[in-house]
PDB file of N, CA and C in Angstrom:
ATOM      1  N   MET A   1     220.111  61.520 -56.949  1.00  0.00           N
ATOM      2  CA  MET A   1     220.175  62.496 -57.652  1.00  0.00           C
ATOM      3  C   MET A   1     219.500  62.370 -59.082  1.00  0.00           C
ATOM      4  N   ILE A   2     219.920  61.306 -59.669  1.00  0.00           N
ATOM      5  CA  ILE A   2     219.337  60.989 -61.001  1.00  0.00           C
ATOM      6  C   ILE A   2     218.115  60.446 -60.893  1.00  0.00           C
ATOM      7  N   ASP A   3     217.441  59.837 -60.201  1.00  0.00           N
ATOM      8  CA  ASP A   3     216.280  59.501 -59.786  1.00  0.00           C
ATOM      9  C   ASP A   3     215.080  60.485 -59.391  1.00  0.00           C
ATOM     10  N   GLU A   4     215.757  61.481 -58.615  1.00  0.00           N
ATOM     11  CA  GLU A   4     214.854  62.771 -58.135  1.00  0.00           C
ATOM     12  C   GLU A   4     214.611  63.532 -59.634  1.00  0.00           C
ATOM     13  N   THR A   5     215.674  63.842 -60.343  1.00  0.00           N
ATOM     14  CA  THR A   5     215.700  64.466 -61.590  1.00  0.00           C
ATOM     15  C   THR A   5     214.445  63.947 -62.486  1.00  0.00           C
ATOM     16  N   ARG A   6     214.570  62.389 -62.621  1.00  0.00           N
ATOM     17  CA  ARG A   6     213.682  61.735 -63.412  1.00  0.00           C
ATOM     18  C   ARG A   6     212.485  62.123 -63.082  1.00  0.00           C
ATOM     19  N   GLU A   7     212.274  61.843 -61.911  1.00  0.00           N
ATOM     20  CA  GLU A   7     210.826  61.886 -61.345  1.00  0.00           C
ATOM     21  C   GLU A   7     210.214  63.513 -61.427  1.00  0.00           C
ATOM     22  N   TYR A   8     211.091  64.533 -61.254  1.00  0.00           N
ATOM     23  CA  TYR A   8     210.537  66.016 -61.701  1.00  0.00           C
ATOM     24  C   TYR A   8     210.334  66.011 -62.784  1.00  0.00           C
ATOM     25  N   LEU A   9     210.970  65.405 -63.855  1.00  0.00           N
ATOM     26  CA  LEU A   9     211.013  65.532 -65.486  1.00  0.00           C
ATOM     27  C   LEU A   9     209.326  64.766 -65.756  1.00  0.00           C
ATOM     28  N   LEU A  10     209.200  63.344 -65.416  1.00  0.00           N
ATOM     29  CA  LEU A  10     208.119  62.893 -65.628  1.00  0.00           C
ATOM     30  C   LEU A  10     206.740  63.519 -64.942  1.00  0.00           C
ATOM     31  N   ASP A  11     207.116  64.366 -63.616  1.00  0.00           N
ATOM     32  CA  ASP A  11     206.004  64.669 -63.024  1.00  0.00           C
ATOM     33  C   ASP A  11     205.589  65.989 -63.942  1.00  0.00           C
ATOM     34  N   HIS A  12     206.376  66.731 -64.341  1.00  0.00           N
ATOM     35  CA  HIS A  12     206.094  67.891 -65.243  1.00  0.00           C
ATOM     36  C   HIS A  12     205.563  67.380 -66.749  1.00  0.00           C
ATOM     37  N   ARG A  13     205.949  66.296 -67.169  1.00  0.00           N
ATOM     38  CA  ARG A  13     205.596  65.975 -68.174  1.00  0.00           C
ATOM     39  C   ARG A  13     204.131  65.605 -68.378  1.00  0.00           C
ATOM     40  N   GLY A  14     203.762  64.993 -67.198  1.00  0.00           N
ATOM     41  CA  GLY A  14     202.549  64.577 -67.076  1.00  0.00           C
ATOM     42  C   GLY A  14     201.432  66.149 -66.841  1.00  0.00           C
ATOM     43  N   LYS A  15     202.191  66.782 -66.173  1.00  0.00           N
ATOM     44  CA  LYS A  15     201.163  68.041 -66.213  1.00  0.00           C
ATOM     45  C   LYS A  15     201.252  68.506 -67.456  1.00  0.00           C
ATOM     46  N   LEU A  16     202.339  68.601 -68.341  1.00  0.00           N
ATOM     47  CA  LEU A  16     202.176  69.323 -69.756  1.00  0.00           C
ATOM     48  C   LEU A  16     200.862  68.473 -70.651  1.00  0.00           C
ATOM     49  N   LEU A  17     201.005  67.152 -70.365  1.00  0.00           N
ATOM     50  CA  LEU A  17     200.170  66.426 -71.198  1.00  0.00           C
ATOM     51  C   LEU A  17     198.666  66.816 -70.779  1.00  0.00           C
ATOM     52  N   PHE A  18     198.516  67.133 -69.759  1.00  0.00           N
ATOM     53  CA  PHE A  18     197.093  67.324 -69.068  1.00  0.00           C
ATOM     54  C   PHE A  18     196.636  68.885 -69.463  1.00  0.00           C
ATOM     55  N   GLN A  19     197.589  69.504 -69.812  1.00  0.00           N
ATOM     56  CA  GLN A  19     197.207  70.795 -70.398  1.00  0.00           C
ATOM     57  C   GLN A  19     197.168  70.849 -71.894  1.00  0.00           C
ATOM     58  N   ILE A  20     197.779  70.019 -72.452  1.00  0.00           N
ATOM     59  CA  ILE A  20     197.522  69.644 -73.891  1.00  0.00           C
ATOM     60  C   ILE A  20     196.407  69.161 -74.097  1.00  0.00           C
ATOM     61  N   GLU A  21     195.857  68.012 -73.044  1.00  0.00           N
ATOM     62  CA  GLU A  21     194.633  67.697 -73.380  1.00  0.00           C
ATOM     63  C   GLU A  21     193.496  68.768 -73.211  1.00  0.00           C
ATOM     64  N   ARG A  22     193.563  69.898 -72.124  1.00  0.00           N
ATOM     65  CA  ARG A  22     192.588  70.501 -72.098  1.00  0.00           C
ATOM     66  C   ARG A  22     192.391  71.757 -72.887  1.00  0.00           C
ATOM     67  N   ALA A  23     193.617  71.944 -73.608  1.00  0.00           N
ATOM     68  CA  ALA A  23     193.692  72.910 -74.718  1.00  0.00           C
ATOM     69  C   ALA A  23     193.077  72.505 -75.731  1.00  0.00           C
ATOM     70  N   LYS A  24     193.163  71.071 -76.118  1.00  0.00           N
ATOM     71  CA  LYS A  24     192.757  70.277 -77.220  1.00  0.00           C
ATOM     72  C   LYS A  24     191.319  70.219 -77.119  1.00  0.00           C
ATOM     73  N   HIS A  25     190.470  70.039 -75.747  1.00  0.00           N
ATOM     74  CA  HIS A  25     189.204  70.218 -75.288  1.00  0.00           C
ATOM     75  C   HIS A  25     188.506  71.427 -76.167  1.00  0.00           C
ATOM     76  N   HIS A  26     189.309  72.578 -75.574  1.00  0.00           N
ATOM     77  CA  HIS A  26     188.826  73.846 -75.697  1.00  0.00           C
ATOM     78  C   HIS A  26     189.000  74.166 -77.078  1.00  0.00           C
ATOM     79  N   LEU A  27     189.866  73.967 -78.054  1.00  0.00           N
ATOM     80  CA  LEU A  27     189.939  74.037 -79.658  1.00  0.00           C
ATOM     81  C   LEU A  27     188.681  73.185 -80.004  1.00  0.00           C
ATOM     82  N   THR A  28     188.438  71.846 -79.375  1.00  0.00           N
ATOM     83  CA  THR A  28     187.617  71.169 -80.034  1.00  0.00           C
ATOM     84  C   THR A  28     186.019  72.148 -80.000  1.00  0.00           C
ATOM     85  N   GLY A  29     185.933  72.607 -78.749  1.00  0.00           N
ATOM     86  CA  GLY A  29     184.695  73.380 -78.419  1.00  0.00           C
ATOM     87  C   GLY A  29     184.561  74.795 -79.172  1.00  0.00           C
ATOM     88  N   LEU A  30     185.902  75.190 -79.658  1.00  0.00           N
ATOM     89  CA  LEU A  30     185.592  76.675 -80.615  1.00  0.00           C
ATOM     90  C   LEU A  30     184.940  75.758 -81.934  1.00  0.00           C
ATOM     91  N   GLU A  31     185.823  74.796 -82.353  1.00  0.00           N
ATOM     92  CA  GLU A  31     185.560  74.484 -83.732  1.00  0.00           C
ATOM     93  C   GLU A  31     184.175  73.963 -83.703  1.00  0.00           C
ATOM     94  N   ALA A  32     183.272  73.632 -82.678  1.00  0.00           N
ATOM     95  CA  ALA A  32     182.160  73.169 -83.024  1.00  0.00           C
ATOM     96  C   ALA A  32     181.261  74.457 -82.682  1.00  0.00           C
ATOM     97  N   ASP A  33     181.513  75.518 -82.949  1.00  0.00           N
ATOM     98  CA  ASP A  33     180.845  76.881 -82.465  1.00  0.00           C
ATOM     99  C   ASP A  33     180.187  77.084 -81.004  1.00  0.00           C
ATOM    100  N   GLU A  34     181.018  76.285 -80.027  1.00  0.00           N
ATOM    101  CA  GLU A  34     180.437  76.775 -78.598  1.00  0.00           C
ATOM    102  C   GLU A  34     180.252  78.014 -78.362  1.00  0.00           C
ATOM    103  N   ILE A  35     181.228  78.887 -78.810  1.00  0.00           N
ATOM    104  CA  ILE A  35     181.148  80.396 -78.764  1.00  0.00           C
ATOM    105  C   ILE A  35     179.951  80.915 -78.750  1.00  0.00           C
ATOM    106  N   LYS A  36     178.963  80.288 -79.542  1.00  0.00           N
ATOM    107  CA  LYS A  36     177.737  80.916 -80.083  1.00  0.00           C
ATOM    108  C   LYS A  36     176.919  81.124 -78.457  1.00  0.00           C
ATOM    109  N   ILE A  37     176.743  80.074 -77.739  1.00  0.00           N
ATOM    110  CA  ILE A  37     176.775  80.050 -76.588  1.00  0.00           C
ATOM    111  C   ILE A  37     176.920  81.514 -75.630  1.00  0.00           C
ATOM    112  N   ILE A  38     178.035  81.575 -75.568  1.00  0.00           N
ATOM    113  CA  ILE A  38     178.625  82.936 -75.003  1.00  0.00           C
ATOM    114  C   ILE A  38     178.096  84.046 -75.724  1.00  0.00           C
ATOM    115  N   ASN A  39     177.747  83.921 -76.751  1.00  0.00           N
ATOM    116  CA  ASN A  39     177.113  85.324 -77.676  1.00  0.00           C
ATOM    117  C   ASN A  39     175.841  85.616 -77.282  1.00  0.00           C
ATOM    118  N   SER A  40     174.815  84.297 -76.835  1.00  0.00           N
ATOM    119  CA  SER A  40     173.317  84.444 -76.736  1.00  0.00           C
ATOM    120  C   SER A  40     173.357  85.664 -75.692  1.00  0.00           C
ATOM    121  N   ARG A  41     174.243  86.041 -74.602  1.00  0.00           N
ATOM    122  CA  ARG A  41     174.268  87.130 -73.769  1.00  0.00           C
ATOM    123  C   ARG A  41     174.778  88.528 -74.349  1.00  0.00           C
ATOM    124  N   ALA A  42     175.797  88.494 -74.874  1.00  0.00           N
ATOM    125  CA  ALA A  42     176.492  89.428 -75.550  1.00  0.00           C
ATOM    126  C   ALA A  42     175.802  90.245 -76.793  1.00  0.00           C
ATOM    127  N   CYS A  43     175.108  89.353 -77.649  1.00  0.00           N
ATOM    128  CA  CYS A  43     174.840  89.951 -78.860  1.00  0.00           C
ATOM    129  C   CYS A  43     176.051  90.535 -79.590  1.00  0.00           C
ATOM    130  N   LEU A  44     176.940  90.035 -79.769  1.00  0.00           N
ATOM    131  CA  LEU A  44     177.888  90.269 -80.765  1.00  0.00           C
ATOM    132  C   LEU A  44     177.803  90.221 -82.179  1.00  0.00           C
ATOM    133  N   PRO A  45     178.144  90.878 -83.079  1.00  0.00           N
ATOM    134  CA  PRO A  45     177.800  90.515 -84.739  1.00  0.00           C
ATOM    135  C   PRO A  45     178.635  89.534 -85.045  1.00  0.00           C
ATOM    136  N   PRO A  46     177.831  88.631 -85.897  1.00  0.00           N
ATOM    137  CA  PRO A  46     178.593  87.355 -86.216  1.00  0.00           C
ATOM    138  C   PRO A  46     180.113  87.653 -86.651  1.00  0.00           C
ATOM    139  N   ALA A  47     180.455  88.602 -87.404  1.00  0.00           N
ATOM    140  CA  ALA A  47     181.917  89.132 -88.116  1.00  0.00           C
ATOM    141  C   ALA A  47     182.583  89.182 -86.438  1.00  0.00           C
ATOM    142  N   ASP A  48     182.229  89.652 -85.608  1.00  0.00           N
ATOM    143  CA  ASP A  48     183.238  89.720 -84.227  1.00  0.00           C
ATOM    144  C   ASP A  48     183.276  88.486 -83.578  1.00  0.00           C
ATOM    145  N   ILE A  49     182.416  87.456 -83.593  1.00  0.00           N
ATOM    146  CA  ILE A  49     182.500  86.400 -83.245  1.00  0.00           C
ATOM    147  C   ILE A  49     183.462  85.344 -84.183  1.00  0.00           C
ATOM    148  N   ALA A  50     183.575  85.622 -85.352  1.00  0.00           N
ATOM    149  CA  ALA A  50     184.515  84.842 -85.860  1.00  0.00           C
ATOM    150  C   ALA A  50     185.710  85.455 -85.667  1.00  0.00           C
ATOM    151  N   ILE A  51     185.863  86.531 -85.447  1.00  0.00           N
ATOM    152  CA  ILE A  51     187.363  86.845 -85.379  1.00  0.00           C
ATOM    153  C   ILE A  51     187.698  86.636 -84.085  1.00  0.00           C
ATOM    154  N   ILE A  52     186.829  86.980 -82.958  1.00  0.00           N
ATOM    155  CA  ILE A  52     187.062  86.312 -81.671  1.00  0.00           C
ATOM    156  C   ILE A  52     187.813  84.596 -81.560  1.00  0.00           C
ATOM    157  N   THR A  53     186.757  84.117 -82.492  1.00  0.00           N
ATOM    158  CA  THR A  53     186.950  82.561 -82.562  1.00  0.00           C
ATOM    159  C   THR A  53     188.365  82.314 -83.314  1.00  0.00           C
ATOM    160  N   GLY A  54     188.227  82.798 -84.137  1.00  0.00           N
ATOM    161  CA  GLY A  54     189.774  82.655 -84.974  1.00  0.00           C
ATOM    162  C   GLY A  54     190.811  83.126 -84.190  1.00  0.00           C
ATOM    163  N   ASP A  55     190.913  83.819 -83.300  1.00  0.00           N
ATOM    164  CA  ASP A  55     192.285  84.212 -82.488  1.00  0.00           C
ATOM    165  C   ASP A  55     192.308  83.360 -81.464  1.00  0.00           C
ATOM    166  N   LEU A  56     191.017  82.655 -80.939  1.00  0.00           N
ATOM    167  CA  LEU A  56     191.276  82.142 -79.979  1.00  0.00           C
ATOM    168  C   LEU A  56     192.003  80.626 -80.407  1.00  0.00           C
ATOM    169  N   ALA A  57     191.400  80.160 -81.364  1.00  0.00           N
ATOM    170  CA  ALA A  57     191.666  79.130 -81.977  1.00  0.00           C
ATOM    171  C   ALA A  57     193.405  79.135 -82.487  1.00  0.00           C
ATOM    172  N   GLU A  58     193.755  80.324 -82.907  1.00  0.00           N
ATOM    173  CA  GLU A  58     195.152  80.298 -83.447  1.00  0.00           C
ATOM    174  C   GLU A  58     195.904  80.616 -81.854  1.00  0.00           C
ATOM    175  N   HIS A  59     195.331  80.783 -80.955  1.00  0.00           N
ATOM    176  CA  HIS A  59     196.045  81.160 -79.597  1.00  0.00           C
ATOM    177  C   HIS A  59     196.157  79.604 -79.069  1.00  0.00           C
ATOM    178  N   LEU A  60     195.334  78.975 -79.053  1.00  0.00           N
ATOM    179  CA  LEU A  60     195.343  77.227 -78.438  1.00  0.00           C
ATOM    180  C   LEU A  60     196.440  76.637 -79.201  1.00  0.00           C
ATOM    181  N   SER A  61     196.170  76.367 -80.591  1.00  0.00           N
ATOM    182  CA  SER A  61     196.933  76.161 -81.283  1.00  0.00           C
ATOM    183  C   SER A  61     198.356  76.104 -80.778  1.00  0.00           C
ATOM    184  N   SER A  62     198.797  77.399 -80.878  1.00  0.00           N
ATOM    185  CA  SER A  62     200.154  77.876 -80.228  1.00  0.00           C
ATOM    186  C   SER A  62     200.678  77.316 -79.332  1.00  0.00           C
ATOM    187  N   GLU A  63     199.707  77.456 -78.225  1.00  0.00           N
ATOM    188  CA  GLU A  63     199.853  76.754 -76.913  1.00  0.00           C
ATOM    189  C   GLU A  63     200.076  75.633 -76.852  1.00  0.00           C
ATOM    190  N   ILE A  64     199.640  74.516 -77.690  1.00  0.00           N
ATOM    191  CA  ILE A  64     199.564  73.219 -77.822  1.00  0.00           C
ATOM    192  C   ILE A  64     200.934  72.814 -78.620  1.00  0.00           C
ATOM    193  N   GLU A  65     201.423  73.711 -79.342  1.00  0.00           N
ATOM    194  CA  GLU A  65     202.550  73.273 -80.109  1.00  0.00           C
ATOM    195  C   GLU A  65     203.883  73.603 -79.092  1.00  0.00           C
ATOM    196  N   ALA A  66     203.677  74.621 -78.268  1.00  0.00           N
ATOM    197  CA  ALA A  66     204.767  75.198 -77.578  1.00  0.00           C
ATOM    198  C   ALA A  66     204.611  74.113 -76.264  1.00  0.00           C
ATOM    199  N   LEU A  67     203.477  73.439 -76.083  1.00  0.00           N
ATOM    200  CA  LEU A  67     203.560  72.550 -74.741  1.00  0.00           C
ATOM    201  C   LEU A  67     204.254  71.414 -75.427  1.00  0.00           C
ATOM    202  N   CYS A  68     203.958  70.779 -76.617  1.00  0.00           N
ATOM    203  CA  CYS A  68     204.629  69.397 -77.146  1.00  0.00           C
ATOM    204  C   CYS A  68     205.980  69.814 -77.234  1.00  0.00           C
ATOM    205  N   TRP A  69     206.511  70.990 -77.635  1.00  0.00           N
ATOM    206  CA  TRP A  69     207.853  71.276 -77.828  1.00  0.00           C
ATOM    207  C   TRP A  69     208.506  71.116 -76.523  1.00  0.00           C
ATOM    208  N   ALA A  70     207.800  71.376 -75.230  1.00  0.00           N
ATOM    209  CA  ALA A  70     208.506  71.228 -74.134  1.00  0.00           C
ATOM    210  C   ALA A  70     208.632  69.836 -73.402  1.00  0.00           C
ATOM    211  N   ILE A  71     207.618  68.689 -74.049  1.00  0.00           N
ATOM    212  CA  ILE A  71     207.551  67.489 -73.647  1.00  0.00           C
ATOM    213  C   ILE A  71     208.563  66.952 -74.619  1.00  0.00           C
ATOM    214  N   ASP A  72     208.655  67.314 -75.792  1.00  0.00           N
ATOM    215  CA  ASP A  72     209.943  66.876 -76.658  1.00  0.00           C
ATOM    216  C   ASP A  72     211.162  67.141 -75.958  1.00  0.00           C
ATOM    217  N   HIS A  73     211.569  68.421 -75.052  1.00  0.00           N
ATOM    218  CA  HIS A  73     212.730  68.355 -74.561  1.00  0.00           C
ATOM    219  C   HIS A  73     212.898  67.529 -73.197  1.00  0.00           C
ATOM    220  N   ILE A  74     211.784  67.554 -72.695  1.00  0.00           N
ATOM    221  CA  ILE A  74     211.338  66.654 -71.436  1.00  0.00           C
ATOM    222  C   ILE A  74     212.198  65.083 -71.590  1.00  0.00           C
ATOM    223  N   ASP A  75     211.821  64.637 -73.006  1.00  0.00           N
ATOM    224  CA  ASP A  75     211.837  63.482 -73.411  1.00  0.00           C
ATOM    225  C   ASP A  75     213.400  63.267 -73.790  1.00  0.00           C
ATOM    226  N   HIS A  76     213.786  64.289 -74.643  1.00  0.00           N
ATOM    227  CA  HIS A  76     215.312  64.397 -74.863  1.00  0.00           C
ATOM    228  C   HIS A  76     216.215  64.307 -73.595  1.00  0.00           C
ATOM    229  N   GLU A  77     215.708  65.052 -72.534  1.00  0.00           N
ATOM    230  CA  GLU A  77     216.397  64.754 -70.976  1.00  0.00           C
ATOM    231  C   GLU A  77     216.285  63.441 -70.376  1.00  0.00           C
ATOM    232  N   LEU A  78     215.229  62.653 -70.496  1.00  0.00           N
ATOM    233  CA  LEU A  78     215.222  61.363 -70.291  1.00  0.00           C
ATOM    234  C   LEU A  78     216.131  60.367 -70.544  1.00  0.00           C
ATOM    235  N   GLU A  79     215.862  60.455 -72.107  1.00  0.00           N
ATOM    236  CA  GLU A  79     216.607  59.741 -72.652  1.00  0.00           C
ATOM    237  C   GLU A  79     218.231  59.666 -72.347  1.00  0.00           C
ATOM    238  N   TYR A  80     218.772  60.767 -72.228  1.00  0.00           N
ATOM    239  CA  TYR A  80     220.040  61.480 -71.882  1.00  0.00           C
ATOM    240  C   TYR A  80     220.017  60.480 -70.339  1.00  0.00           C
ATOM    241  N   LEU A  81     219.082  60.579 -69.310  1.00  0.00           N
ATOM    242  CA  LEU A  81     219.329  60.264 -68.030  1.00  0.00           C
ATOM    243  C   LEU A  81     219.363  58.604 -68.238  1.00  0.00           C
ATOM    244  N   ASP A  82     218.682  57.910 -69.414  1.00  0.00           N
ATOM    245  CA  ASP A  82     218.602  56.566 -69.526  1.00  0.00           C
ATOM    246  C   ASP A  82     219.747  56.229 -70.136  1.00  0.00           C
ATOM    247  N   GLY A  83     220.912  57.005 -70.109  1.00  0.00           N
ATOM    248  CA  GLY A  83     222.277  56.548 -70.684  1.00  0.00           C
ATOM    249  C   GLY A  83     222.620  56.788 -72.164  1.00  0.00           C
ATOM    250  N   ASP A  84     221.555  57.547 -73.059  1.00  0.00           N
ATOM    251  CA  ASP A  84     222.008  57.807 -74.457  1.00  0.00           C
ATOM    252  C   ASP A  84     223.014  58.811 -74.397  1.00  0.00           C
ATOM    253  N   GLU A  85     223.916  58.771 -75.457  1.00  0.00           N
ATOM    254  CA  GLU A  85     224.969  59.963 -75.409  1.00  0.00           C
ATOM    255  C   GLU A  85     224.011  61.207 -75.829  1.00  0.00           C
ATOM    256  N   PHE A  86     225.027  61.984 -75.144  1.00  0.00           N
ATOM    257  CA  PHE A  86     224.227  63.521 -74.874  1.00  0.00           C
ATOM    258  C   PHE A  86     224.375  64.001 -76.527  1.00  0.00           C
ATOM    259  N   GLU A  87     223.266  64.434 -76.859  1.00  0.00           N
ATOM    260  CA  GLU A  87     223.352  65.366 -77.930  1.00  0.00           C
ATOM    261  C   GLU A  87     222.323  66.790 -77.747  1.00  0.00           C
ATOM    262  N   PRO A  88     222.786  67.810 -78.324  1.00  0.00           N
ATOM    263  CA  PRO A  88     221.992  69.011 -77.824  1.00  0.00           C
ATOM    264  C   PRO A  88     220.781  68.929 -78.550  1.00  0.00           C
ATOM    265  N   PHE A  89     219.608  69.351 -77.740  1.00  0.00           N
ATOM    266  CA  PHE A  89     218.216  69.385 -78.116  1.00  0.00           C
ATOM    267  C   PHE A  89     218.232  70.463 -79.303  1.00  0.00           C
ATOM    268  N   THR A  90     217.623  69.655 -80.129  1.00  0.00           N
ATOM    269  CA  THR A  90     217.509  70.512 -81.702  1.00  0.00           C
ATOM    270  C   THR A  90     216.300  71.053 -82.133  1.00  0.00           C
ATOM    271  N   GLY A  91     215.306  70.720 -81.351  1.00  0.00           N
ATOM    272  CA  GLY A  91     213.790  71.060 -81.654  1.00  0.00           C
ATOM    273  C   GLY A  91     212.839  69.660 -81.594  1.00  0.00           C
ATOM    274  N   ARG A  92     211.622  69.969 -82.043  1.00  0.00           N
ATOM    275  CA  ARG A  92     210.508  69.122 -82.134  1.00  0.00           C
ATOM    276  C   ARG A  92     210.631  67.913 -82.963  1.00  0.00           C
ATOM    277  N   HIS A  93     210.279  66.749 -82.747  1.00  0.00           N
ATOM    278  CA  HIS A  93     210.316  65.350 -83.272  1.00  0.00           C
ATOM    279  C   HIS A  93     209.197  65.690 -84.086  1.00  0.00           C
ATOM    280  N   ALA A  94     208.898  64.628 -85.203  1.00  0.00           N
ATOM    281  CA  ALA A  94     207.636  64.408 -85.682  1.00  0.00           C
ATOM    282  C   ALA A  94     206.712  63.751 -85.144  1.00  0.00           C
ATOM    283  N   HIS A  95     206.939  63.278 -84.313  1.00  0.00           N
ATOM    284  CA  HIS A  95     205.755  62.511 -83.294  1.00  0.00           C
ATOM    285  C   HIS A  95     204.294  63.525 -82.506  1.00  0.00           C
ATOM    286  N   THR A  96     203.449  62.820 -82.489  1.00  0.00           N
ATOM    287  CA  THR A  96     202.534  63.749 -81.907  1.00  0.00           C
ATOM    288  C   THR A  96     202.369  63.184 -80.426  1.00  0.00           C
ATOM    289  N   HIS A  97     201.619  63.869 -79.419  1.00  0.00           N
ATOM    290  CA  HIS A  97     201.263  63.942 -78.014  1.00  0.00           C
ATOM    291  C   HIS A  97     199.909  63.380 -77.971  1.00  0.00           C
ATOM    292  N   SER A  98     199.390  62.539 -77.098  1.00  0.00           N
ATOM    293  CA  SER A  98     197.981  62.201 -76.692  1.00  0.00           C
ATOM    294  C   SER A  98     197.761  62.257 -75.358  1.00  0.00           C
TER     295      SER A  98
END
């Protein structure tokens, strides 16, 4: 049962890491003004593009934060499965995920 739980958690951790990398890639694209390519067909005013870009970047940043929180929670559960004394999950650690 513990091995199945560990495998399940590690599988989901890997999926979350993939989602983080994908979101970071899109965020980097926004920061590099890739949205201008989209605008070449739509002809939106620059102010609208700035608002859309800012909103998308904020959304991606919050998604990355939520995914990192979920990975921290999985890591906490894995530590417990490894025999660490149980402590309630209190939130994000200071480390980053790559």
